């Protein structure tokens, strides 16, 4: 199996599942990746199927029509986060800053 890394040019295609509140703000999003990523961390290699995304700048938000929106990206590291009512930062790992565009592709 080929290892996939997040690089400066990598495009992630995902579907936003749910908005979730954290201790610091209420506009985080959990998204399911269209294709899992392979991630090598201190705990070994694992498949990443979900990410947490949030707009980086105050006054901006993830939504319809977004284009060139700076976002923070974290990998979900514990599956129980998908059913939690609030974001637990211990269940994800911040990995990158990205640029998000809405896509109409199916």
N, C-alpha and C. Protein backbone atom coordinates (compact mmCIF):
# COMPACT_ATOMS: atom_id res chain seq x y z
N UNK A 1 0.84 -1.17 0.00
CA UNK A 1 0.00 0.00 0.00
C UNK A 1 0.89 1.24 0.00
N UNK A 2 0.60 2.17 -0.86
CA UNK A 2 1.39 3.40 -0.97
C UNK A 2 1.04 4.37 0.15
N UNK A 3 2.04 4.94 0.78
CA UNK A 3 1.84 5.91 1.84
C UNK A 3 1.49 7.26 1.23
N UNK A 4 0.48 7.92 1.78
CA UNK A 4 0.07 9.23 1.30
C UNK A 4 0.43 10.27 2.34
N UNK A 5 1.01 11.35 1.91
CA UNK A 5 1.37 12.44 2.80
C UNK A 5 0.64 13.70 2.39
N UNK A 6 0.37 14.55 3.37
CA UNK A 6 -0.22 15.84 3.11
C UNK A 6 0.91 16.77 2.67
N UNK A 7 0.83 17.29 1.46
CA UNK A 7 1.86 18.18 0.95
C UNK A 7 1.25 19.53 0.62
N UNK A 8 2.07 20.45 0.24
CA UNK A 8 1.57 21.79 -0.04
C UNK A 8 0.64 21.83 -1.24
N UNK A 9 0.65 20.82 -2.08
CA UNK A 9 -0.19 20.82 -3.28
C UNK A 9 -1.29 19.76 -3.24
N UNK A 10 -1.44 19.04 -2.16
CA UNK A 10 -2.41 17.94 -2.08
C UNK A 10 -3.83 18.49 -1.96
N UNK A 11 -4.73 17.94 -2.76
CA UNK A 11 -6.15 18.31 -2.68
C UNK A 11 -6.89 17.22 -1.91
N UNK A 12 -7.65 17.63 -0.93
CA UNK A 12 -8.47 16.70 -0.16
C UNK A 12 -9.92 16.90 -0.56
N UNK A 13 -10.55 15.84 -0.98
CA UNK A 13 -11.98 15.91 -1.30
C UNK A 13 -12.73 15.30 -0.13
N UNK A 14 -13.67 16.06 0.42
CA UNK A 14 -14.39 15.59 1.59
C UNK A 14 -15.84 16.03 1.55
N UNK A 15 -16.63 15.39 2.37
CA UNK A 15 -18.04 15.77 2.56
C UNK A 15 -18.21 16.19 4.01
N UNK A 16 -18.71 17.39 4.21
CA UNK A 16 -18.92 17.86 5.58
C UNK A 16 -20.10 17.11 6.17
N UNK A 17 -19.90 16.59 7.39
CA UNK A 17 -20.92 15.80 8.05
C UNK A 17 -21.69 16.59 9.09
N UNK A 18 -20.96 17.24 9.98
CA UNK A 18 -21.64 17.92 11.07
C UNK A 18 -20.81 19.07 11.62
N UNK A 19 -21.50 20.08 12.09
CA UNK A 19 -20.85 21.19 12.78
C UNK A 19 -20.77 20.82 14.25
N UNK A 20 -19.64 21.16 14.88
CA UNK A 20 -19.45 20.78 16.27
C UNK A 20 -18.77 21.92 17.02
N UNK A 21 -19.12 22.09 18.28
CA UNK A 21 -18.55 23.15 19.10
C UNK A 21 -17.34 22.65 19.86
N UNK A 22 -16.35 23.54 19.97
CA UNK A 22 -15.18 23.26 20.81
C UNK A 22 -15.23 24.19 22.01
N UNK A 23 -14.22 24.10 22.88
CA UNK A 23 -14.18 24.97 24.05
C UNK A 23 -13.96 26.43 23.68
N UNK A 24 -13.32 26.66 22.53
CA UNK A 24 -12.96 28.03 22.15
C UNK A 24 -13.87 28.67 21.11
N UNK A 25 -14.65 27.87 20.39
CA UNK A 25 -15.52 28.40 19.33
C UNK A 25 -16.55 27.34 18.95
N UNK A 26 -17.57 27.76 18.18
CA UNK A 26 -18.67 26.82 17.87
C UNK A 26 -18.77 26.47 16.39
N UNK A 27 -17.71 26.73 15.62
CA UNK A 27 -17.83 26.52 14.17
C UNK A 27 -16.79 25.56 13.59
N UNK A 28 -16.50 24.49 14.30
CA UNK A 28 -15.68 23.41 13.75
C UNK A 28 -16.58 22.51 12.91
N UNK A 29 -16.00 21.86 11.93
CA UNK A 29 -16.74 20.91 11.10
C UNK A 29 -16.00 19.58 11.07
N UNK A 30 -16.75 18.49 11.17
CA UNK A 30 -16.20 17.16 10.95
C UNK A 30 -16.55 16.76 9.53
N UNK A 31 -15.55 16.31 8.79
CA UNK A 31 -15.75 15.94 7.39
C UNK A 31 -15.19 14.54 7.15
N UNK A 32 -15.86 13.83 6.27
CA UNK A 32 -15.40 12.50 5.87
C UNK A 32 -14.61 12.63 4.56
N UNK A 33 -13.42 12.06 4.53
CA UNK A 33 -12.60 12.11 3.32
C UNK A 33 -13.15 11.15 2.28
N UNK A 34 -13.11 11.55 1.02
CA UNK A 34 -13.57 10.69 -0.07
C UNK A 34 -12.66 9.47 -0.20
N UNK A 35 -11.39 9.64 0.14
CA UNK A 35 -10.41 8.55 0.08
C UNK A 35 -9.53 8.67 1.32
N UNK A 36 -9.40 7.59 2.10
CA UNK A 36 -8.58 7.66 3.32
C UNK A 36 -7.13 8.03 3.01
N UNK A 37 -6.51 8.71 3.97
CA UNK A 37 -5.09 9.04 3.91
C UNK A 37 -4.32 8.08 4.81
N UNK A 38 -3.09 7.83 4.48
CA UNK A 38 -2.19 7.09 5.36
C UNK A 38 -1.35 8.12 6.10
N UNK A 39 -1.30 7.99 7.42
CA UNK A 39 -0.57 8.94 8.25
C UNK A 39 0.38 8.19 9.16
N UNK A 40 1.63 8.59 9.16
CA UNK A 40 2.62 8.01 10.05
C UNK A 40 2.85 9.00 11.18
N UNK A 41 2.55 8.55 12.40
CA UNK A 41 2.73 9.40 13.57
C UNK A 41 3.55 8.61 14.60
N UNK A 42 3.70 9.17 15.77
CA UNK A 42 4.45 8.51 16.83
C UNK A 42 3.88 7.13 17.16
N UNK A 43 2.58 6.97 16.99
CA UNK A 43 1.93 5.71 17.30
C UNK A 43 1.98 4.71 16.17
N UNK A 44 2.65 5.03 15.07
CA UNK A 44 2.72 4.13 13.92
C UNK A 44 1.90 4.66 12.76
N UNK A 45 1.69 3.79 11.78
CA UNK A 45 0.93 4.17 10.60
C UNK A 45 -0.55 3.88 10.81
N UNK A 46 -1.39 4.79 10.35
CA UNK A 46 -2.84 4.59 10.48
C UNK A 46 -3.56 5.22 9.29
N UNK A 47 -4.78 4.77 9.08
CA UNK A 47 -5.63 5.35 8.04
C UNK A 47 -6.44 6.49 8.66
N UNK A 48 -6.52 7.59 7.97
CA UNK A 48 -7.32 8.75 8.41
C UNK A 48 -8.52 8.83 7.49
N UNK A 49 -9.72 8.72 8.06
CA UNK A 49 -10.95 8.75 7.27
C UNK A 49 -11.75 10.03 7.48
N UNK A 50 -11.46 10.76 8.57
CA UNK A 50 -12.20 11.98 8.90
C UNK A 50 -11.23 13.07 9.34
N UNK A 51 -11.63 14.31 9.08
CA UNK A 51 -10.85 15.47 9.51
C UNK A 51 -11.76 16.46 10.22
N UNK A 52 -11.14 17.33 11.00
CA UNK A 52 -11.83 18.46 11.61
C UNK A 52 -11.30 19.70 10.90
N UNK A 53 -12.20 20.57 10.49
CA UNK A 53 -11.84 21.77 9.73
C UNK A 53 -12.49 22.99 10.38
N UNK A 54 -11.76 24.11 10.39
CA UNK A 54 -12.32 25.36 10.90
C UNK A 54 -11.70 26.52 10.13
N UNK A 55 -12.49 27.56 9.91
CA UNK A 55 -11.98 28.77 9.27
C UNK A 55 -10.90 29.37 10.16
N UNK A 56 -9.85 29.90 9.55
CA UNK A 56 -8.71 30.44 10.31
C UNK A 56 -8.92 31.87 10.77
N UNK A 57 -9.68 32.67 10.03
CA UNK A 57 -9.80 34.09 10.33
C UNK A 57 -11.14 34.41 10.97
N UNK A 58 -11.11 35.27 11.96
CA UNK A 58 -12.33 35.73 12.60
C UNK A 58 -13.20 36.44 11.56
N UNK A 59 -14.48 36.16 11.59
CA UNK A 59 -15.41 36.79 10.65
C UNK A 59 -15.58 36.02 9.35
N UNK A 60 -14.86 34.91 9.19
CA UNK A 60 -15.04 34.06 8.01
C UNK A 60 -15.62 32.73 8.46
N UNK A 61 -16.27 32.03 7.53
CA UNK A 61 -16.86 30.75 7.92
C UNK A 61 -16.91 29.80 6.74
N UNK A 62 -16.97 28.54 7.07
CA UNK A 62 -17.12 27.48 6.07
C UNK A 62 -18.59 27.47 5.65
N UNK A 63 -18.85 27.50 4.34
CA UNK A 63 -20.23 27.50 3.87
C UNK A 63 -20.31 27.58 2.37
N UNK A 64 -21.54 27.68 1.88
CA UNK A 64 -21.78 27.74 0.45
C UNK A 64 -21.07 28.94 -0.17
N UNK A 65 -20.46 28.71 -1.32
CA UNK A 65 -19.80 29.78 -2.05
C UNK A 65 -18.40 30.11 -1.59
N UNK A 66 -17.88 29.39 -0.59
CA UNK A 66 -16.53 29.73 -0.11
C UNK A 66 -15.50 29.48 -1.22
N UNK A 67 -14.54 30.36 -1.28
CA UNK A 67 -13.47 30.25 -2.28
C UNK A 67 -12.21 30.85 -1.68
N UNK A 68 -11.14 30.08 -1.68
CA UNK A 68 -9.87 30.56 -1.15
C UNK A 68 -9.89 30.83 0.34
N UNK A 69 -10.70 30.07 1.08
CA UNK A 69 -10.85 30.28 2.53
C UNK A 69 -9.74 29.56 3.29
N UNK A 70 -8.90 30.28 4.04
CA UNK A 70 -7.89 29.62 4.86
C UNK A 70 -8.57 28.82 5.99
N UNK A 71 -8.16 27.57 6.16
CA UNK A 71 -8.74 26.69 7.17
C UNK A 71 -7.64 25.94 7.92
N UNK A 72 -7.93 25.61 9.15
CA UNK A 72 -7.09 24.72 9.92
C UNK A 72 -7.59 23.31 9.72
N UNK A 73 -6.67 22.35 9.63
CA UNK A 73 -7.03 20.95 9.39
C UNK A 73 -6.44 20.07 10.49
N UNK A 74 -7.28 19.22 11.06
CA UNK A 74 -6.82 18.25 12.06
C UNK A 74 -7.34 16.87 11.66
N UNK A 75 -6.51 15.86 11.84
CA UNK A 75 -6.94 14.49 11.60
C UNK A 75 -7.70 13.98 12.82
N UNK A 76 -8.82 13.29 12.60
CA UNK A 76 -9.53 12.62 13.69
C UNK A 76 -8.73 11.37 14.03
N UNK A 77 -8.30 11.27 15.28
CA UNK A 77 -7.46 10.15 15.72
C UNK A 77 -8.21 9.13 16.55
N UNK A 78 -9.39 9.49 16.99
CA UNK A 78 -10.22 8.57 17.77
C UNK A 78 -11.65 8.62 17.24
N UNK A 79 -12.14 7.48 16.76
CA UNK A 79 -13.44 7.41 16.10
C UNK A 79 -14.62 7.84 16.95
N UNK A 80 -14.50 7.77 18.26
CA UNK A 80 -15.63 8.17 19.12
C UNK A 80 -15.95 9.66 18.97
N UNK A 81 -15.02 10.45 18.45
CA UNK A 81 -15.29 11.88 18.22
C UNK A 81 -16.47 12.07 17.27
N UNK A 82 -16.68 11.12 16.38
CA UNK A 82 -17.75 11.25 15.38
C UNK A 82 -19.15 11.25 15.98
N UNK A 83 -19.29 10.77 17.20
CA UNK A 83 -20.60 10.76 17.85
C UNK A 83 -20.65 11.65 19.09
N UNK A 84 -19.56 12.34 19.38
CA UNK A 84 -19.52 13.24 20.53
C UNK A 84 -20.35 14.50 20.27
N UNK A 85 -20.81 15.14 21.34
CA UNK A 85 -21.61 16.36 21.20
C UNK A 85 -20.75 17.61 21.18
N UNK A 86 -19.48 17.49 21.57
CA UNK A 86 -18.56 18.63 21.50
C UNK A 86 -17.17 18.12 21.12
N UNK A 87 -16.36 19.03 20.60
CA UNK A 87 -15.04 18.67 20.12
C UNK A 87 -14.07 18.48 21.27
N UNK A 88 -13.47 17.31 21.33
CA UNK A 88 -12.43 16.99 22.31
C UNK A 88 -11.11 17.01 21.56
N UNK A 89 -10.26 18.00 21.86
CA UNK A 89 -9.00 18.16 21.13
C UNK A 89 -8.05 16.98 21.32
N UNK A 90 -8.28 16.17 22.34
CA UNK A 90 -7.46 14.98 22.56
C UNK A 90 -7.77 13.88 21.55
N UNK A 91 -8.86 14.02 20.80
CA UNK A 91 -9.28 13.01 19.83
C UNK A 91 -8.95 13.39 18.39
N UNK A 92 -8.12 14.41 18.23
CA UNK A 92 -7.70 14.82 16.89
C UNK A 92 -6.28 15.38 16.97
N UNK A 93 -5.65 15.50 15.81
CA UNK A 93 -4.28 16.01 15.75
C UNK A 93 -4.20 17.09 14.68
N UNK A 94 -3.87 18.30 15.10
CA UNK A 94 -3.73 19.41 14.16
C UNK A 94 -2.54 19.13 13.25
N UNK A 95 -2.76 19.24 11.93
CA UNK A 95 -1.68 18.88 10.99
C UNK A 95 -1.34 19.95 9.96
N UNK A 96 -2.26 20.86 9.63
CA UNK A 96 -1.96 21.77 8.52
C UNK A 96 -2.91 22.95 8.47
N UNK A 97 -2.49 23.93 7.69
CA UNK A 97 -3.35 25.03 7.25
C UNK A 97 -3.59 24.78 5.77
N UNK A 98 -4.83 24.91 5.34
CA UNK A 98 -5.16 24.69 3.94
C UNK A 98 -6.02 25.82 3.40
N UNK A 99 -6.34 25.73 2.12
CA UNK A 99 -7.23 26.67 1.46
C UNK A 99 -8.44 25.87 0.96
N UNK A 100 -9.64 26.30 1.34
CA UNK A 100 -10.86 25.56 1.00
C UNK A 100 -11.67 26.30 -0.07
N UNK A 101 -12.17 25.52 -1.01
CA UNK A 101 -13.09 26.00 -2.04
C UNK A 101 -14.28 25.08 -2.08
N UNK A 102 -15.47 25.63 -2.25
CA UNK A 102 -16.64 24.79 -2.45
C UNK A 102 -16.55 24.14 -3.83
N UNK A 103 -16.91 22.88 -3.89
CA UNK A 103 -16.88 22.16 -5.15
C UNK A 103 -18.26 21.59 -5.44
N UNK A 104 -18.68 21.66 -6.70
CA UNK A 104 -19.96 21.11 -7.10
C UNK A 104 -19.81 19.70 -7.66
N UNK A 105 -18.58 19.16 -7.63
CA UNK A 105 -18.33 17.81 -8.15
C UNK A 105 -19.03 16.79 -7.28
N UNK A 106 -19.48 15.75 -7.92
CA UNK A 106 -20.12 14.64 -7.19
C UNK A 106 -19.11 13.58 -6.91
